[in-house]
């Protein structure tokens, strides 16, 4: 009975702390790469901005704070 309890505790520690979860890391990385490759046109000046640099305000995309304020 003690041996079974020890194996259960060791297995629990392994699954909670040691085993990695690669699916979550892959999904976050893929999502970031998709946004970086997306080019959106600025609503004010027409310049294309990458997905990770764009500014979204009231449903419109802007390349900079100057275009957002103008």
PDB file of N, CA and C in Angstrom:
ATOM      1  N   UNK A   1       0.821  -1.196   0.000  1.00  0.00           N
ATOM      2  CA  UNK A   1       0.000   0.000   0.000  1.00  0.00           C
ATOM      3  C   UNK A   1       0.868   1.263   0.000  1.00  0.00           C
ATOM      4  N   UNK A   2       1.959   1.240   0.779  1.00  0.00           N
ATOM      5  CA  UNK A   2       2.856   2.397   0.822  1.00  0.00           C
ATOM      6  C   UNK A   2       3.528   2.613  -0.535  1.00  0.00           C
ATOM      7  N   UNK A   3       3.903   1.524  -1.187  1.00  0.00           N
ATOM      8  CA  UNK A   3       4.546   1.612  -2.487  1.00  0.00           C
ATOM      9  C   UNK A   3       3.608   2.243  -3.521  1.00  0.00           C
ATOM     10  N   UNK A   4       2.355   1.873  -3.500  1.00  0.00           N
ATOM     11  CA  UNK A   4       1.367   2.434  -4.412  1.00  0.00           C
ATOM     12  C   UNK A   4       1.183   3.927  -4.164  1.00  0.00           C
ATOM     13  N   UNK A   5       1.151   4.315  -2.910  1.00  0.00           N
ATOM     14  CA  UNK A   5       0.999   5.725  -2.558  1.00  0.00           C
ATOM     15  C   UNK A   5       2.222   6.531  -3.011  1.00  0.00           C
ATOM     16  N   UNK A   6       3.408   5.986  -2.836  1.00  0.00           N
ATOM     17  CA  UNK A   6       4.631   6.667  -3.263  1.00  0.00           C
ATOM     18  C   UNK A   6       4.651   6.829  -4.783  1.00  0.00           C
ATOM     19  N   UNK A   7       4.284   5.781  -5.514  1.00  0.00           N
ATOM     20  CA  UNK A   7       4.230   5.862  -6.974  1.00  0.00           C
ATOM     21  C   UNK A   7       3.210   6.898  -7.441  1.00  0.00           C
ATOM     22  N   UNK A   8       2.102   6.977  -6.761  1.00  0.00           N
ATOM     23  CA  UNK A   8       1.074   7.954  -7.099  1.00  0.00           C
ATOM     24  C   UNK A   8       1.583   9.378  -6.899  1.00  0.00           C
ATOM     25  N   UNK A   9       2.278   9.631  -5.805  1.00  0.00           N
ATOM     26  CA  UNK A   9       2.816  10.958  -5.527  1.00  0.00           C
ATOM     27  C   UNK A   9       3.899  11.324  -6.547  1.00  0.00           C
ATOM     28  N   UNK A  10       4.785  10.384  -6.855  1.00  0.00           N
ATOM     29  CA  UNK A  10       5.839  10.639  -7.838  1.00  0.00           C
ATOM     30  C   UNK A  10       5.224  10.923  -9.207  1.00  0.00           C
ATOM     31  N   UNK A  11       4.228  10.164  -9.598  1.00  0.00           N
ATOM     32  CA  UNK A  11       3.565  10.387 -10.879  1.00  0.00           C
ATOM     33  C   UNK A  11       2.874  11.743 -10.926  1.00  0.00           C
ATOM     34  N   UNK A  12       2.245  12.125  -9.849  1.00  0.00           N
ATOM     35  CA  UNK A  12       1.569  13.416  -9.782  1.00  0.00           C
ATOM     36  C   UNK A  12       2.564  14.561  -9.897  1.00  0.00           C
ATOM     37  N   UNK A  13       3.684  14.465  -9.196  1.00  0.00           N
ATOM     38  CA  UNK A  13       4.720  15.497  -9.277  1.00  0.00           C
ATOM     39  C   UNK A  13       5.265  15.584 -10.698  1.00  0.00           C
ATOM     40  N   UNK A  14       5.486  14.439 -11.330  1.00  0.00           N
ATOM     41  CA  UNK A  14       5.995  14.431 -12.703  1.00  0.00           C
ATOM     42  C   UNK A  14       5.047  15.145 -13.654  1.00  0.00           C
ATOM     43  N   UNK A  15       3.774  14.813 -13.608  1.00  0.00           N
ATOM     44  CA  UNK A  15       2.823  15.406 -14.552  1.00  0.00           C
ATOM     45  C   UNK A  15       2.556  16.883 -14.269  1.00  0.00           C
ATOM     46  N   UNK A  16       2.651  17.307 -13.035  1.00  0.00           N
ATOM     47  CA  UNK A  16       2.370  18.706 -12.721  1.00  0.00           C
ATOM     48  C   UNK A  16       3.562  19.628 -12.957  1.00  0.00           C
ATOM     49  N   UNK A  17       4.777  19.150 -12.671  1.00  0.00           N
ATOM     50  CA  UNK A  17       5.924  20.052 -12.691  1.00  0.00           C
ATOM     51  C   UNK A  17       6.967  19.750 -13.749  1.00  0.00           C
ATOM     52  N   UNK A  18       7.106  18.529 -14.177  1.00  0.00           N
ATOM     53  CA  UNK A  18       8.206  18.170 -15.065  1.00  0.00           C
ATOM     54  C   UNK A  18       7.760  18.079 -16.518  1.00  0.00           C
ATOM     55  N   UNK A  19       6.652  17.464 -16.776  1.00  0.00           N
ATOM     56  CA  UNK A  19       6.195  17.267 -18.146  1.00  0.00           C
ATOM     57  C   UNK A  19       5.843  18.605 -18.787  1.00  0.00           C
ATOM     58  N   UNK A  20       6.395  18.839 -19.971  1.00  0.00           N
ATOM     59  CA  UNK A  20       6.153  20.092 -20.695  1.00  0.00           C
ATOM     60  C   UNK A  20       4.854  19.998 -21.480  1.00  0.00           C
ATOM     61  N   UNK A  21       4.297  21.166 -21.809  1.00  0.00           N
ATOM     62  CA  UNK A  21       3.064  21.237 -22.582  1.00  0.00           C
ATOM     63  C   UNK A  21       3.348  21.988 -23.881  1.00  0.00           C
ATOM     64  N   UNK A  22       3.863  21.316 -24.904  1.00  0.00           N
ATOM     65  CA  UNK A  22       4.276  22.016 -26.124  1.00  0.00           C
ATOM     66  C   UNK A  22       3.140  22.573 -26.962  1.00  0.00           C
ATOM     67  N   UNK A  23       1.928  22.048 -26.853  1.00  0.00           N
ATOM     68  CA  UNK A  23       0.824  22.536 -27.683  1.00  0.00           C
ATOM     69  C   UNK A  23       0.504  23.983 -27.384  1.00  0.00           C
ATOM     70  N   UNK A  24       0.523  24.385 -26.126  1.00  0.00           N
ATOM     71  CA  UNK A  24       0.206  25.762 -25.759  1.00  0.00           C
ATOM     72  C   UNK A  24       1.273  26.701 -26.307  1.00  0.00           C
ATOM     73  N   UNK A  25       2.529  26.341 -26.159  1.00  0.00           N
ATOM     74  CA  UNK A  25       3.611  27.189 -26.638  1.00  0.00           C
ATOM     75  C   UNK A  25       3.563  27.322 -28.159  1.00  0.00           C
ATOM     76  N   UNK A  26       3.267  26.253 -28.881  1.00  0.00           N
ATOM     77  CA  UNK A  26       3.191  26.317 -30.333  1.00  0.00           C
ATOM     78  C   UNK A  26       2.060  27.221 -30.778  1.00  0.00           C
ATOM     79  N   UNK A  27       0.904  27.135 -30.130  1.00  0.00           N
ATOM     80  CA  UNK A  27      -0.233  27.960 -30.535  1.00  0.00           C
ATOM     81  C   UNK A  27       0.063  29.437 -30.333  1.00  0.00           C
ATOM     82  N   UNK A  28       0.696  29.811 -29.232  1.00  0.00           N
ATOM     83  CA  UNK A  28       1.018  31.210 -28.994  1.00  0.00           C
ATOM     84  C   UNK A  28       2.026  31.709 -30.014  1.00  0.00           C
ATOM     85  N   UNK A  29       3.021  30.895 -30.335  1.00  0.00           N
ATOM     86  CA  UNK A  29       4.026  31.300 -31.298  1.00  0.00           C
ATOM     87  C   UNK A  29       3.415  31.467 -32.683  1.00  0.00           C
ATOM     88  N   UNK A  30       2.572  30.536 -33.098  1.00  0.00           N
ATOM     89  CA  UNK A  30       1.935  30.626 -34.413  1.00  0.00           C
ATOM     90  C   UNK A  30       1.050  31.849 -34.511  1.00  0.00           C
ATOM     91  N   UNK A  31       0.330  32.162 -33.459  1.00  0.00           N
ATOM     92  CA  UNK A  31      -0.553  33.321 -33.476  1.00  0.00           C
ATOM     93  C   UNK A  31       0.261  34.607 -33.599  1.00  0.00           C
ATOM     94  N   UNK A  32       1.384  34.690 -32.903  1.00  0.00           N
ATOM     95  CA  UNK A  32       2.233  35.872 -32.982  1.00  0.00           C
ATOM     96  C   UNK A  32       2.796  36.018 -34.394  1.00  0.00           C
ATOM     97  N   UNK A  33       3.218  34.926 -35.003  1.00  0.00           N
ATOM     98  CA  UNK A  33       3.749  34.973 -36.361  1.00  0.00           C
ATOM     99  C   UNK A  33       2.689  35.423 -37.359  1.00  0.00           C
ATOM    100  N   UNK A  34       1.444  35.022 -37.175  1.00  0.00           N
ATOM    101  CA  UNK A  34       0.368  35.445 -38.076  1.00  0.00           C
ATOM    102  C   UNK A  34       0.184  36.953 -38.004  1.00  0.00           C
ATOM    103  N   UNK A  35       0.173  37.529 -36.805  1.00  0.00           N
ATOM    104  CA  UNK A  35      -0.014  38.967 -36.661  1.00  0.00           C
ATOM    105  C   UNK A  35       1.159  39.743 -37.248  1.00  0.00           C
ATOM    106  N   UNK A  36       2.359  39.221 -37.132  1.00  0.00           N
ATOM    107  CA  UNK A  36       3.525  39.917 -37.646  1.00  0.00           C
ATOM    108  C   UNK A  36       3.513  39.949 -39.169  1.00  0.00           C
ATOM    109  N   UNK A  37       2.965  38.956 -39.823  1.00  0.00           N
ATOM    110  CA  UNK A  37       2.946  38.902 -41.274  1.00  0.00           C
ATOM    111  C   UNK A  37       1.773  39.669 -41.881  1.00  0.00           C
ATOM    112  N   UNK A  38       0.771  39.992 -41.117  1.00  0.00           N
ATOM    113  CA  UNK A  38      -0.399  40.694 -41.618  1.00  0.00           C
ATOM    114  C   UNK A  38      -0.071  42.172 -41.802  1.00  0.00           C
ATOM    115  N   UNK A  39      -0.387  42.689 -42.980  1.00  0.00           N
ATOM    116  CA  UNK A  39      -0.179  44.110 -43.259  1.00  0.00           C
ATOM    117  C   UNK A  39      -1.546  44.766 -43.417  1.00  0.00           C
ATOM    118  N   UNK A  40      -1.769  45.831 -42.649  1.00  0.00           N
ATOM    119  CA  UNK A  40      -3.041  46.545 -42.647  1.00  0.00           C
ATOM    120  C   UNK A  40      -2.797  47.977 -43.117  1.00  0.00           C
ATOM    121  N   UNK A  41      -3.722  48.500 -43.915  1.00  0.00           N
ATOM    122  CA  UNK A  41      -3.599  49.871 -44.415  1.00  0.00           C
ATOM    123  C   UNK A  41      -4.098  50.864 -43.377  1.00  0.00           C
ATOM    124  N   UNK A  42      -3.333  51.929 -43.176  1.00  0.00           N
ATOM    125  CA  UNK A  42      -3.724  52.990 -42.252  1.00  0.00           C
ATOM    126  C   UNK A  42      -4.961  53.696 -42.803  1.00  0.00           C
ATOM    127  N   UNK A  43      -5.940  53.934 -41.954  1.00  0.00           N
ATOM    128  CA  UNK A  43      -7.186  54.571 -42.382  1.00  0.00           C
ATOM    129  C   UNK A  43      -6.994  56.038 -42.756  1.00  0.00           C
ATOM    130  N   UNK A  44      -5.967  56.667 -42.239  1.00  0.00           N
ATOM    131  CA  UNK A  44      -5.752  58.093 -42.487  1.00  0.00           C
ATOM    132  C   UNK A  44      -4.841  58.351 -43.688  1.00  0.00           C
ATOM    133  N   UNK A  45      -3.633  57.773 -43.676  1.00  0.00           N
ATOM    134  CA  UNK A  45      -2.645  58.116 -44.711  1.00  0.00           C
ATOM    135  C   UNK A  45      -2.423  57.028 -45.753  1.00  0.00           C
ATOM    136  N   UNK A  46      -2.913  55.816 -45.527  1.00  0.00           N
ATOM    137  CA  UNK A  46      -2.800  54.755 -46.517  1.00  0.00           C
ATOM    138  C   UNK A  46      -1.529  53.925 -46.448  1.00  0.00           C
ATOM    139  N   UNK A  47      -0.671  54.187 -45.478  1.00  0.00           N
ATOM    140  CA  UNK A  47       0.562  53.417 -45.317  1.00  0.00           C
ATOM    141  C   UNK A  47       0.200  52.046 -44.751  1.00  0.00           C
ATOM    142  N   UNK A  48       0.893  51.006 -45.228  1.00  0.00           N
ATOM    143  CA  UNK A  48       0.658  49.661 -44.709  1.00  0.00           C
ATOM    144  C   UNK A  48       1.524  49.436 -43.475  1.00  0.00           C
ATOM    145  N   UNK A  49       0.899  48.894 -42.435  1.00  0.00           N
ATOM    146  CA  UNK A  49       1.563  48.682 -41.149  1.00  0.00           C
ATOM    147  C   UNK A  49       1.485  47.201 -40.814  1.00  0.00           C
ATOM    148  N   UNK A  50       2.564  46.650 -40.250  1.00  0.00           N
ATOM    149  CA  UNK A  50       2.543  45.241 -39.862  1.00  0.00           C
ATOM    150  C   UNK A  50       1.570  45.045 -38.699  1.00  0.00           C
ATOM    151  N   UNK A  51       1.078  43.831 -38.558  1.00  0.00           N
ATOM    152  CA  UNK A  51       0.056  43.518 -37.566  1.00  0.00           C
ATOM    153  C   UNK A  51       0.469  43.792 -36.142  1.00  0.00           C
ATOM    154  N   UNK A  52       1.774  43.675 -35.829  1.00  0.00           N
ATOM    155  CA  UNK A  52       2.192  43.899 -34.449  1.00  0.00           C
ATOM    156  C   UNK A  52       2.475  45.367 -34.146  1.00  0.00           C
ATOM    157  N   UNK A  53       2.467  46.244 -35.143  1.00  0.00           N
ATOM    158  CA  UNK A  53       2.723  47.668 -34.929  1.00  0.00           C
ATOM    159  C   UNK A  53       1.480  48.539 -35.105  1.00  0.00           C
ATOM    160  N   UNK A  54       0.387  47.978 -35.570  1.00  0.00           N
ATOM    161  CA  UNK A  54      -0.802  48.774 -35.870  1.00  0.00           C
ATOM    162  C   UNK A  54      -1.502  49.232 -34.586  1.00  0.00           C
ATOM    163  N   UNK A  55      -2.255  50.308 -34.716  1.00  0.00           N
ATOM    164  CA  UNK A  55      -3.054  50.849 -33.616  1.00  0.00           C
ATOM    165  C   UNK A  55      -4.513  50.740 -34.030  1.00  0.00           C
ATOM    166  N   UNK A  56      -5.317  50.090 -33.212  1.00  0.00           N
ATOM    167  CA  UNK A  56      -6.740  49.910 -33.500  1.00  0.00           C
ATOM    168  C   UNK A  56      -7.537  50.870 -32.633  1.00  0.00           C
ATOM    169  N   UNK A  57      -8.386  51.688 -33.271  1.00  0.00           N
ATOM    170  CA  UNK A  57      -9.221  52.622 -32.538  1.00  0.00           C
ATOM    171  C   UNK A  57     -10.550  52.763 -33.254  1.00  0.00           C
ATOM    172  N   UNK A  58     -11.631  52.509 -32.553  1.00  0.00           N
ATOM    173  CA  UNK A  58     -12.986  52.628 -33.093  1.00  0.00           C
ATOM    174  C   UNK A  58     -13.169  51.849 -34.397  1.00  0.00           C
ATOM    175  N   UNK A  59     -12.579  50.679 -34.481  1.00  0.00           N
ATOM    176  CA  UNK A  59     -12.737  49.826 -35.649  1.00  0.00           C
ATOM    177  C   UNK A  59     -11.877  50.199 -36.837  1.00  0.00           C
ATOM    178  N   UNK A  60     -10.987  51.175 -36.693  1.00  0.00           N
ATOM    179  CA  UNK A  60     -10.086  51.590 -37.756  1.00  0.00           C
ATOM    180  C   UNK A  60      -8.644  51.361 -37.327  1.00  0.00           C
ATOM    181  N   UNK A  61      -7.787  51.095 -38.307  1.00  0.00           N
ATOM    182  CA  UNK A  61      -6.377  50.849 -38.036  1.00  0.00           C
ATOM    183  C   UNK A  61      -5.556  52.070 -38.421  1.00  0.00           C
ATOM    184  N   UNK A  62      -4.580  52.414 -37.574  1.00  0.00           N
ATOM    185  CA  UNK A  62      -3.719  53.567 -37.808  1.00  0.00           C
ATOM    186  C   UNK A  62      -2.259  53.174 -37.681  1.00  0.00           C
ATOM    187  N   UNK A  63      -1.395  53.883 -38.436  1.00  0.00           N
ATOM    188  CA  UNK A  63       0.037  53.558 -38.432  1.00  0.00           C
ATOM    189  C   UNK A  63       0.775  54.215 -37.275  1.00  0.00           C
ATOM    190  N   UNK A  64       0.266  55.339 -36.760  1.00  0.00           N
ATOM    191  CA  UNK A  64       0.959  56.062 -35.692  1.00  0.00           C
ATOM    192  C   UNK A  64      -0.042  56.864 -34.873  1.00  0.00           C
ATOM    193  N   UNK A  65       0.452  57.420 -33.768  1.00  0.00           N
ATOM    194  CA  UNK A  65      -0.411  58.279 -32.937  1.00  0.00           C
ATOM    195  C   UNK A  65      -0.786  59.563 -33.654  1.00  0.00           C
ATOM    196  N   UNK A  66       0.097  60.050 -34.560  1.00  0.00           N
ATOM    197  CA  UNK A  66      -0.207  61.266 -35.315  1.00  0.00           C
ATOM    198  C   UNK A  66      -1.432  61.070 -36.199  1.00  0.00           C
ATOM    199  N   UNK A  67      -1.500  59.926 -36.878  1.00  0.00           N
ATOM    200  CA  UNK A  67      -2.663  59.647 -37.728  1.00  0.00           C
ATOM    201  C   UNK A  67      -3.900  59.402 -36.871  1.00  0.00           C
ATOM    202  N   UNK A  68      -3.730  58.829 -35.714  1.00  0.00           N
ATOM    203  CA  UNK A  68      -4.853  58.571 -34.825  1.00  0.00           C
ATOM    204  C   UNK A  68      -5.460  59.868 -34.325  1.00  0.00           C
ATOM    205  N   UNK A  69      -4.617  60.835 -33.973  1.00  0.00           N
ATOM    206  CA  UNK A  69      -5.088  62.105 -33.433  1.00  0.00           C
ATOM    207  C   UNK A  69      -5.632  63.047 -34.507  1.00  0.00           C
ATOM    208  N   UNK A  70      -5.143  62.920 -35.722  1.00  0.00           N
ATOM    209  CA  UNK A  70      -5.539  63.848 -36.803  1.00  0.00           C
ATOM    210  C   UNK A  70      -6.947  63.589 -37.282  1.00  0.00           C
TER     211      UNK A  70
END
